[in-house]
Amino acid sequence: MSLSSSRVLIPSPSVSQVAHQISDAVSKGAKVLKGGKRLDGSFMEPTLLAGATTEMLCMKEETFGPLLPVIRSVRAGEATFTVVHVTVNKQMFS
């Protein structure tokens, strides 16, 4: 299953929460690499966000939907990527 053709059924309140977290992250500089769209009813595209920071709601609040924010950190000249607050099915990003 590819991410581009995926949609995930989640509870209606969670769809609104995830959409709000995505909007907040984008307004603070994150980029949506994949997904990010609210679909009909209780469906949401799995979403991959790059450039997340600890100031964004998606990093402060628990997410009950298909949202994967990624923070970039550099230590001793070596880039590492940290994935935080993941509540997605492993197949969504394969």
PDB file of N, CA and C in Angstrom:
ATOM      1  N   MET A   1       0.850  -1.176   0.000  1.00  0.00           N
ATOM      2  CA  MET A   1       0.000   0.000   0.000  1.00  0.00           C
ATOM      3  C   MET A   1       0.894   1.237   0.000  1.00  0.00           C
ATOM      4  N   SER A   2       0.682   2.125  -0.932  1.00  0.00           N
ATOM      5  CA  SER A   2       1.483   3.340  -0.971  1.00  0.00           C
ATOM      6  C   SER A   2       0.780   4.449  -0.200  1.00  0.00           C
ATOM      7  N   LEU A   3       1.574   5.374   0.294  1.00  0.00           N
ATOM      8  CA  LEU A   3       1.034   6.491   1.051  1.00  0.00           C
ATOM      9  C   LEU A   3       0.105   7.331   0.204  1.00  0.00           C
ATOM     10  N   SER A   4       0.401   7.483  -1.062  1.00  0.00           N
ATOM     11  CA  SER A   4      -0.403   8.353  -1.916  1.00  0.00           C
ATOM     12  C   SER A   4      -1.824   7.843  -2.120  1.00  0.00           C
ATOM     13  N   SER A   5      -2.050   6.553  -1.949  1.00  0.00           N
ATOM     14  CA  SER A   5      -3.387   6.014  -2.140  1.00  0.00           C
ATOM     15  C   SER A   5      -4.038   5.612  -0.823  1.00  0.00           C
ATOM     16  N   SER A   6      -3.437   5.990   0.286  1.00  0.00           N
ATOM     17  CA  SER A   6      -3.932   5.590   1.595  1.00  0.00           C
ATOM     18  C   SER A   6      -4.925   6.583   2.153  1.00  0.00           C
ATOM     19  N   ARG A   7      -5.820   6.043   2.938  1.00  0.00           N
ATOM     20  CA  ARG A   7      -6.697   6.869   3.751  1.00  0.00           C
ATOM     21  C   ARG A   7      -6.984   6.068   5.004  1.00  0.00           C
ATOM     22  N   VAL A   8      -7.084   6.748   6.114  1.00  0.00           N
ATOM     23  CA  VAL A   8      -7.222   6.082   7.393  1.00  0.00           C
ATOM     24  C   VAL A   8      -8.507   6.540   8.068  1.00  0.00           C
ATOM     25  N   LEU A   9      -9.271   5.584   8.553  1.00  0.00           N
ATOM     26  CA  LEU A   9     -10.492   5.878   9.288  1.00  0.00           C
ATOM     27  C   LEU A   9     -10.125   6.120  10.745  1.00  0.00           C
ATOM     28  N   ILE A  10     -10.458   7.302  11.261  1.00  0.00           N
ATOM     29  CA  ILE A  10     -10.216   7.639  12.664  1.00  0.00           C
ATOM     30  C   ILE A  10     -11.468   8.311  13.211  1.00  0.00           C
ATOM     31  N   PRO A  11     -11.622   8.365  14.555  1.00  0.00           N
ATOM     32  CA  PRO A  11     -12.797   9.016  15.130  1.00  0.00           C
ATOM     33  C   PRO A  11     -12.914  10.478  14.688  1.00  0.00           C
ATOM     34  N   SER A  12     -14.131  10.952  14.473  1.00  0.00           N
ATOM     35  CA  SER A  12     -14.357  12.320  13.982  1.00  0.00           C
ATOM     36  C   SER A  12     -13.631  13.396  14.783  1.00  0.00           C
ATOM     37  N   PRO A  13     -13.663  13.360  16.129  1.00  0.00           N
ATOM     38  CA  PRO A  13     -12.929  14.394  16.870  1.00  0.00           C
ATOM     39  C   PRO A  13     -11.425  14.354  16.578  1.00  0.00           C
ATOM     40  N   SER A  14     -10.896  13.178  16.315  1.00  0.00           N
ATOM     41  CA  SER A  14      -9.472  13.053  16.020  1.00  0.00           C
ATOM     42  C   SER A  14      -9.128  13.647  14.659  1.00  0.00           C
ATOM     43  N   VAL A  15     -10.031  13.536  13.697  1.00  0.00           N
ATOM     44  CA  VAL A  15      -9.797  14.126  12.374  1.00  0.00           C
ATOM     45  C   VAL A  15      -9.610  15.632  12.523  1.00  0.00           C
ATOM     46  N   SER A  16     -10.472  16.261  13.294  1.00  0.00           N
ATOM     47  CA  SER A  16     -10.364  17.706  13.517  1.00  0.00           C
ATOM     48  C   SER A  16      -9.067  18.056  14.239  1.00  0.00           C
ATOM     49  N   GLN A  17      -8.693  17.248  15.224  1.00  0.00           N
ATOM     50  CA  GLN A  17      -7.465  17.495  15.979  1.00  0.00           C
ATOM     51  C   GLN A  17      -6.231  17.374  15.082  1.00  0.00           C
ATOM     52  N   VAL A  18      -6.165  16.316  14.283  1.00  0.00           N
ATOM     53  CA  VAL A  18      -5.019  16.110  13.397  1.00  0.00           C
ATOM     54  C   VAL A  18      -4.942  17.232  12.361  1.00  0.00           C
ATOM     55  N   ALA A  19      -6.066  17.606  11.781  1.00  0.00           N
ATOM     56  CA  ALA A  19      -6.091  18.700  10.807  1.00  0.00           C
ATOM     57  C   ALA A  19      -5.594  19.994  11.451  1.00  0.00           C
ATOM     58  N   HIS A  20      -5.998  20.249  12.683  1.00  0.00           N
ATOM     59  CA  HIS A  20      -5.561  21.447  13.405  1.00  0.00           C
ATOM     60  C   HIS A  20      -4.055  21.399  13.682  1.00  0.00           C
ATOM     61  N   GLN A  21      -3.546  20.224  14.061  1.00  0.00           N
ATOM     62  CA  GLN A  21      -2.108  20.085  14.324  1.00  0.00           C
ATOM     63  C   GLN A  21      -1.292  20.292  13.042  1.00  0.00           C
ATOM     64  N   ILE A  22      -1.783  19.790  11.929  1.00  0.00           N
ATOM     65  CA  ILE A  22      -1.090  19.985  10.652  1.00  0.00           C
ATOM     66  C   ILE A  22      -1.076  21.471  10.289  1.00  0.00           C
ATOM     67  N   SER A  23      -2.218  22.123  10.402  1.00  0.00           N
ATOM     68  CA  SER A  23      -2.325  23.548  10.095  1.00  0.00           C
ATOM     69  C   SER A  23      -1.389  24.372  10.977  1.00  0.00           C
ATOM     70  N   ASP A  24      -1.348  24.056  12.268  1.00  0.00           N
ATOM     71  CA  ASP A  24      -0.469  24.749  13.203  1.00  0.00           C
ATOM     72  C   ASP A  24       0.997  24.559  12.817  1.00  0.00           C
ATOM     73  N   ALA A  25       1.372  23.331  12.492  1.00  0.00           N
ATOM     74  CA  ALA A  25       2.765  23.034  12.136  1.00  0.00           C
ATOM     75  C   ALA A  25       3.184  23.772  10.867  1.00  0.00           C
ATOM     76  N   VAL A  26       2.321  23.755   9.864  1.00  0.00           N
ATOM     77  CA  VAL A  26       2.633  24.432   8.602  1.00  0.00           C
ATOM     78  C   VAL A  26       2.764  25.941   8.824  1.00  0.00           C
ATOM     79  N   SER A  27       1.890  26.508   9.658  1.00  0.00           N
ATOM     80  CA  SER A  27       1.957  27.944   9.931  1.00  0.00           C
ATOM     81  C   SER A  27       3.234  28.324  10.678  1.00  0.00           C
ATOM     82  N   LYS A  28       3.880  27.338  11.310  1.00  0.00           N
ATOM     83  CA  LYS A  28       5.112  27.589  12.063  1.00  0.00           C
ATOM     84  C   LYS A  28       6.350  27.076  11.325  1.00  0.00           C
ATOM     85  N   GLY A  29       6.196  26.739  10.032  1.00  0.00           N
ATOM     86  CA  GLY A  29       7.346  26.417   9.209  1.00  0.00           C
ATOM     87  C   GLY A  29       7.548  24.978   8.785  1.00  0.00           C
ATOM     88  N   ALA A  30       6.738  24.049   9.268  1.00  0.00           N
ATOM     89  CA  ALA A  30       6.875  22.655   8.840  1.00  0.00           C
ATOM     90  C   ALA A  30       6.391  22.513   7.399  1.00  0.00           C
ATOM     91  N   LYS A  31       6.871  21.470   6.742  1.00  0.00           N
ATOM     92  CA  LYS A  31       6.447  21.186   5.368  1.00  0.00           C
ATOM     93  C   LYS A  31       5.780  19.825   5.317  1.00  0.00           C
ATOM     94  N   VAL A  32       4.658  19.766   4.625  1.00  0.00           N
ATOM     95  CA  VAL A  32       3.962  18.495   4.415  1.00  0.00           C
ATOM     96  C   VAL A  32       4.647  17.798   3.249  1.00  0.00           C
ATOM     97  N   LEU A  33       5.307  16.656   3.542  1.00  0.00           N
ATOM     98  CA  LEU A  33       5.978  15.899   2.488  1.00  0.00           C
ATOM     99  C   LEU A  33       5.043  14.920   1.800  1.00  0.00           C
ATOM    100  N   LYS A  34       4.107  14.369   2.538  1.00  0.00           N
ATOM    101  CA  LYS A  34       3.130  13.414   2.008  1.00  0.00           C
ATOM    102  C   LYS A  34       1.822  13.594   2.756  1.00  0.00           C
ATOM    103  N   GLY A  35       0.715  13.389   2.057  1.00  0.00           N
ATOM    104  CA  GLY A  35      -0.603  13.406   2.693  1.00  0.00           C
ATOM    105  C   GLY A  35      -1.014  14.798   3.132  1.00  0.00           C
ATOM    106  N   GLY A  36      -1.631  14.841   4.319  1.00  0.00           N
ATOM    107  CA  GLY A  36      -2.016  16.112   4.909  1.00  0.00           C
ATOM    108  C   GLY A  36      -3.433  16.557   4.653  1.00  0.00           C
ATOM    109  N   LYS A  37      -4.186  15.766   3.919  1.00  0.00           N
ATOM    110  CA  LYS A  37      -5.541  16.197   3.577  1.00  0.00           C
ATOM    111  C   LYS A  37      -6.591  15.464   4.393  1.00  0.00           C
ATOM    112  N   ARG A  38      -7.574  16.241   4.798  1.00  0.00           N
ATOM    113  CA  ARG A  38      -8.760  15.670   5.436  1.00  0.00           C
ATOM    114  C   ARG A  38      -9.670  15.198   4.316  1.00  0.00           C
ATOM    115  N   LEU A  39     -10.146  13.980   4.426  1.00  0.00           N
ATOM    116  CA  LEU A  39     -11.002  13.402   3.402  1.00  0.00           C
ATOM    117  C   LEU A  39     -12.439  13.342   3.902  1.00  0.00           C
ATOM    118  N   ASP A  40     -13.344  12.779   3.124  1.00  0.00           N
ATOM    119  CA  ASP A  40     -14.752  12.676   3.518  1.00  0.00           C
ATOM    120  C   ASP A  40     -14.917  11.922   4.829  1.00  0.00           C
ATOM    121  N   GLY A  41     -15.888  12.360   5.621  1.00  0.00           N
ATOM    122  CA  GLY A  41     -16.226  11.671   6.864  1.00  0.00           C
ATOM    123  C   GLY A  41     -15.078  11.633   7.845  1.00  0.00           C
ATOM    124  N   SER A  42     -14.802  10.457   8.366  1.00  0.00           N
ATOM    125  CA  SER A  42     -13.754  10.283   9.364  1.00  0.00           C
ATOM    126  C   SER A  42     -12.466   9.741   8.754  1.00  0.00           C
ATOM    127  N   PHE A  43     -12.183  10.140   7.532  1.00  0.00           N
ATOM    128  CA  PHE A  43     -10.969   9.680   6.863  1.00  0.00           C
ATOM    129  C   PHE A  43      -9.944  10.804   6.773  1.00  0.00           C
ATOM    130  N   MET A  44      -8.686  10.423   6.907  1.00  0.00           N
ATOM    131  CA  MET A  44      -7.571  11.363   6.865  1.00  0.00           C
ATOM    132  C   MET A  44      -6.432  10.695   6.108  1.00  0.00           C
ATOM    133  N   GLU A  45      -5.744  11.453   5.268  1.00  0.00           N
ATOM    134  CA  GLU A  45      -4.550  10.909   4.621  1.00  0.00           C
ATOM    135  C   GLU A  45      -3.428  10.786   5.651  1.00  0.00           C
ATOM    136  N   PRO A  46      -2.661   9.700   5.621  1.00  0.00           N
ATOM    137  CA  PRO A  46      -1.464   9.631   6.468  1.00  0.00           C
ATOM    138  C   PRO A  46      -0.557  10.804   6.094  1.00  0.00           C
ATOM    139  N   THR A  47       0.008  11.459   7.088  1.00  0.00           N
ATOM    140  CA  THR A  47       0.743  12.698   6.853  1.00  0.00           C
ATOM    141  C   THR A  47       2.158  12.623   7.404  1.00  0.00           C
ATOM    142  N   LEU A  48       3.113  13.031   6.580  1.00  0.00           N
ATOM    143  CA  LEU A  48       4.512  13.108   6.967  1.00  0.00           C
ATOM    144  C   LEU A  48       4.912  14.575   6.954  1.00  0.00           C
ATOM    145  N   LEU A  49       5.296  15.088   8.134  1.00  0.00           N
ATOM    146  CA  LEU A  49       5.721  16.483   8.281  1.00  0.00           C
ATOM    147  C   LEU A  49       7.222  16.548   8.485  1.00  0.00           C
ATOM    148  N   ALA A  50       7.895  17.407   7.743  1.00  0.00           N
ATOM    149  CA  ALA A  50       9.328  17.649   7.945  1.00  0.00           C
ATOM    150  C   ALA A  50       9.502  19.025   8.575  1.00  0.00           C
ATOM    151  N   GLY A  51      10.560  19.160   9.332  1.00  0.00           N
ATOM    152  CA  GLY A  51      10.858  20.460   9.932  1.00  0.00           C
ATOM    153  C   GLY A  51      10.028  20.783  11.152  1.00  0.00           C
ATOM    154  N   ALA A  52       9.541  19.770  11.828  1.00  0.00           N
ATOM    155  CA  ALA A  52       8.769  20.007  13.056  1.00  0.00           C
ATOM    156  C   ALA A  52       9.693  20.564  14.143  1.00  0.00           C
ATOM    157  N   THR A  53       9.115  21.346  15.027  1.00  0.00           N
ATOM    158  CA  THR A  53       9.854  21.877  16.180  1.00  0.00           C
ATOM    159  C   THR A  53       9.053  21.598  17.441  1.00  0.00           C
ATOM    160  N   THR A  54       9.688  21.743  18.569  1.00  0.00           N
ATOM    161  CA  THR A  54       9.018  21.494  19.842  1.00  0.00           C
ATOM    162  C   THR A  54       7.961  22.541  20.164  1.00  0.00           C
ATOM    163  N   GLU A  55       7.882  23.596  19.374  1.00  0.00           N
ATOM    164  CA  GLU A  55       6.876  24.645  19.581  1.00  0.00           C
ATOM    165  C   GLU A  55       5.542  24.322  18.912  1.00  0.00           C
ATOM    166  N   MET A  56       5.501  23.270  18.129  1.00  0.00           N
ATOM    167  CA  MET A  56       4.294  22.930  17.381  1.00  0.00           C
ATOM    168  C   MET A  56       3.377  22.012  18.179  1.00  0.00           C
ATOM    169  N   LEU A  57       2.071  22.174  17.987  1.00  0.00           N
ATOM    170  CA  LEU A  57       1.094  21.359  18.710  1.00  0.00           C
ATOM    171  C   LEU A  57       1.307  19.871  18.492  1.00  0.00           C
ATOM    172  N   CYS A  58       1.716  19.487  17.276  1.00  0.00           N
ATOM    173  CA  CYS A  58       1.917  18.066  16.993  1.00  0.00           C
ATOM    174  C   CYS A  58       3.038  17.465  17.826  1.00  0.00           C
ATOM    175  N   MET A  59       3.875  18.309  18.423  1.00  0.00           N
ATOM    176  CA  MET A  59       4.955  17.831  19.278  1.00  0.00           C
ATOM    177  C   MET A  59       4.604  17.963  20.756  1.00  0.00           C
ATOM    178  N   LYS A  60       3.580  18.736  21.058  1.00  0.00           N
ATOM    179  CA  LYS A  60       3.184  18.973  22.444  1.00  0.00           C
ATOM    180  C   LYS A  60       1.995  18.119  22.870  1.00  0.00           C
ATOM    181  N   GLU A  61       1.110  17.822  21.929  1.00  0.00           N
ATOM    182  CA  GLU A  61      -0.114  17.084  22.214  1.00  0.00           C
ATOM    183  C   GLU A  61      -0.025  15.659  21.685  1.00  0.00           C
ATOM    184  N   GLU A  62      -0.743  14.774  22.333  1.00  0.00           N
ATOM    185  CA  GLU A  62      -0.831  13.408  21.826  1.00  0.00           C
ATOM    186  C   GLU A  62      -1.701  13.425  20.571  1.00  0.00           C
ATOM    187  N   THR A  63      -1.275  12.704  19.574  1.00  0.00           N
ATOM    188  CA  THR A  63      -1.983  12.667  18.302  1.00  0.00           C
ATOM    189  C   THR A  63      -2.674  11.322  18.141  1.00  0.00           C
ATOM    190  N   PHE A  64      -3.964  11.354  17.878  1.00  0.00           N
ATOM    191  CA  PHE A  64      -4.736  10.124  17.684  1.00  0.00           C
ATOM    192  C   PHE A  64      -5.109   9.986  16.215  1.00  0.00           C
ATOM    193  N   GLY A  65      -4.085   9.968  15.377  1.00  0.00           N
ATOM    194  CA  GLY A  65      -4.321   9.847  13.955  1.00  0.00           C
ATOM    195  C   GLY A  65      -3.021   9.644  13.208  1.00  0.00           C
ATOM    196  N   PRO A  66      -3.109   9.568  11.887  1.00  0.00           N
ATOM    197  CA  PRO A  66      -1.963   9.230  11.042  1.00  0.00           C
ATOM    198  C   PRO A  66      -1.062  10.431  10.748  1.00  0.00           C
ATOM    199  N   LEU A  67      -0.348  10.897  11.765  1.00  0.00           N
ATOM    200  CA  LEU A  67       0.521  12.059  11.630  1.00  0.00           C
ATOM    201  C   LEU A  67       1.910  11.716  12.144  1.00  0.00           C
ATOM    202  N   LEU A  68       2.914  11.940  11.309  1.00  0.00           N
ATOM    203  CA  LEU A  68       4.297  11.643  11.666  1.00  0.00           C
ATOM    204  C   LEU A  68       5.138  12.907  11.519  1.00  0.00           C
ATOM    205  N   PRO A  69       5.373  13.634  12.632  1.00  0.00           N
ATOM    206  CA  PRO A  69       6.252  14.799  12.566  1.00  0.00           C
ATOM    207  C   PRO A  69       7.705  14.361  12.754  1.00  0.00           C
ATOM    208  N   VAL A  70       8.612  14.974  11.987  1.00  0.00           N
ATOM    209  CA  VAL A  70      10.030  14.639  12.081  1.00  0.00           C
ATOM    210  C   VAL A  70      10.814  15.900  12.430  1.00  0.00           C
ATOM    211  N   ILE A  71      11.667  15.761  13.456  1.00  0.00           N
ATOM    212  CA  ILE A  71      12.545  16.853  13.888  1.00  0.00           C
ATOM    213  C   ILE A  71      13.952  16.522  13.427  1.00  0.00           C
ATOM    214  N   ARG A  72      14.646  17.509  12.915  1.00  0.00           N
ATOM    215  CA  ARG A  72      16.043  17.323  12.538  1.00  0.00           C
ATOM    216  C   ARG A  72      16.915  17.914  13.638  1.00  0.00           C
ATOM    217  N   SER A  73      17.903  17.148  14.059  1.00  0.00           N
ATOM    218  CA  SER A  73      18.848  17.654  15.050  1.00  0.00           C
ATOM    219  C   SER A  73      20.255  17.300  14.599  1.00  0.00           C
ATOM    220  N   VAL A  74      21.184  18.178  14.882  1.00  0.00           N
ATOM    221  CA  VAL A  74      22.573  17.946  14.500  1.00  0.00           C
ATOM    222  C   VAL A  74      23.415  17.890  15.768  1.00  0.00           C
ATOM    223  N   ARG A  75      24.170  16.800  15.894  1.00  0.00           N
ATOM    224  CA  ARG A  75      25.066  16.627  17.044  1.00  0.00           C
ATOM    225  C   ARG A  75      26.448  16.270  16.526  1.00  0.00           C
ATOM    226  N   ALA A  76      27.449  16.987  16.990  1.00  0.00           N
ATOM    227  CA  ALA A  76      28.846  16.715  16.641  1.00  0.00           C
ATOM    228  C   ALA A  76      29.032  16.549  15.133  1.00  0.00           C
ATOM    229  N   GLY A  77      28.354  17.399  14.363  1.00  0.00           N
ATOM    230  CA  GLY A  77      28.507  17.382  12.918  1.00  0.00           C
ATOM    231  C   GLY A  77      27.775  16.262  12.205  1.00  0.00           C
ATOM    232  N   GLU A  78      27.069  15.441  12.926  1.00  0.00           N
ATOM    233  CA  GLU A  78      26.359  14.323  12.310  1.00  0.00           C
ATOM    234  C   GLU A  78      24.866  14.565  12.397  1.00  0.00           C
ATOM    235  N   ALA A  79      24.183  14.526  11.261  1.00  0.00           N
ATOM    236  CA  ALA A  79      22.737  14.753  11.256  1.00  0.00           C
ATOM    237  C   ALA A  79      22.019  13.499  11.723  1.00  0.00           C
ATOM    238  N   THR A  80      21.089  13.677  12.608  1.00  0.00           N
ATOM    239  CA  THR A  80      20.231  12.578  13.050  1.00  0.00           C
ATOM    240  C   THR A  80      18.793  13.034  12.947  1.00  0.00           C
ATOM    241  N   PHE A  81      17.924  12.096  12.773  1.00  0.00           N
ATOM    242  CA  PHE A  81      16.510  12.427  12.698  1.00  0.00           C
ATOM    243  C   PHE A  81      15.776  11.701  13.817  1.00  0.00           C
ATOM    244  N   THR A  82      14.922  12.425  14.491  1.00  0.00           N
ATOM    245  CA  THR A  82      14.158  11.881  15.588  1.00  0.00           C
ATOM    246  C   THR A  82      12.686  11.904  15.229  1.00  0.00           C
ATOM    247  N   VAL A  83      12.035  10.794  15.383  1.00  0.00           N
ATOM    248  CA  VAL A  83      10.612  10.707  15.119  1.00  0.00           C
ATOM    249  C   VAL A  83       9.899  10.646  16.466  1.00  0.00           C
ATOM    250  N   VAL A  84       8.909  11.520  16.632  1.00  0.00           N
ATOM    251  CA  VAL A  84       8.235  11.651  17.910  1.00  0.00           C
ATOM    252  C   VAL A  84       6.723  11.518  17.741  1.00  0.00           C
ATOM    253  N   HIS A  85       6.060  10.948  18.743  1.00  0.00           N
ATOM    254  CA  HIS A  85       4.595  10.856  18.788  1.00  0.00           C
ATOM    255  C   HIS A  85       4.003  10.140  17.575  1.00  0.00           C
ATOM    256  N   VAL A  86       4.397   8.927  17.369  1.00  0.00           N
ATOM    257  CA  VAL A  86       3.910   8.193  16.214  1.00  0.00           C
ATOM    258  C   VAL A  86       2.748   7.305  16.623  1.00  0.00           C
ATOM    259  N   THR A  87       1.622   7.508  15.984  1.00  0.00           N
ATOM    260  CA  THR A  87       0.467   6.637  16.212  1.00  0.00           C
ATOM    261  C   THR A  87      -0.082   6.204  14.864  1.00  0.00           C
ATOM    262  N   VAL A  88       0.800   5.623  14.063  1.00  0.00           N
ATOM    263  CA  VAL A  88       0.401   5.204  12.723  1.00  0.00           C
ATOM    264  C   VAL A  88       0.701   3.744  12.487  1.00  0.00           C
ATOM    265  N   ASN A  89       0.023   3.173  11.549  1.00  0.00           N
ATOM    266  CA  ASN A  89       0.234   1.797  11.142  1.00  0.00           C
ATOM    267  C   ASN A  89       1.532   1.720  10.338  1.00  0.00           C
ATOM    268  N   LYS A  90       2.366   0.728  10.609  1.00  0.00           N
ATOM    269  CA  LYS A  90       3.654   0.593   9.932  1.00  0.00           C
ATOM    270  C   LYS A  90       3.520   0.565   8.418  1.00  0.00           C
ATOM    271  N   GLN A  91       2.436   0.054   7.892  1.00  0.00           N
ATOM    272  CA  GLN A  91       2.266  -0.067   6.454  1.00  0.00           C
ATOM    273  C   GLN A  91       2.022   1.272   5.762  1.00  0.00           C
ATOM    274  N   MET A  92       1.601   2.281   6.492  1.00  0.00           N
ATOM    275  CA  MET A  92       1.256   3.560   5.875  1.00  0.00           C
ATOM    276  C   MET A  92       2.443   4.216   5.196  1.00  0.00           C
ATOM    277  N   PHE A  93       3.626   4.010   5.716  1.00  0.00           N
ATOM    278  CA  PHE A  93       4.792   4.692   5.173  1.00  0.00           C
ATOM    279  C   PHE A  93       5.745   3.740   4.476  1.00  0.00           C
ATOM    280  N   SER A  94       5.237   2.604   4.018  1.00  0.00           N
ATOM    281  CA  SER A  94       6.093   1.659   3.298  1.00  0.00           C
ATOM    282  C   SER A  94       6.039   1.894   1.811  1.00  0.00           C
TER     283      SER A  94
END
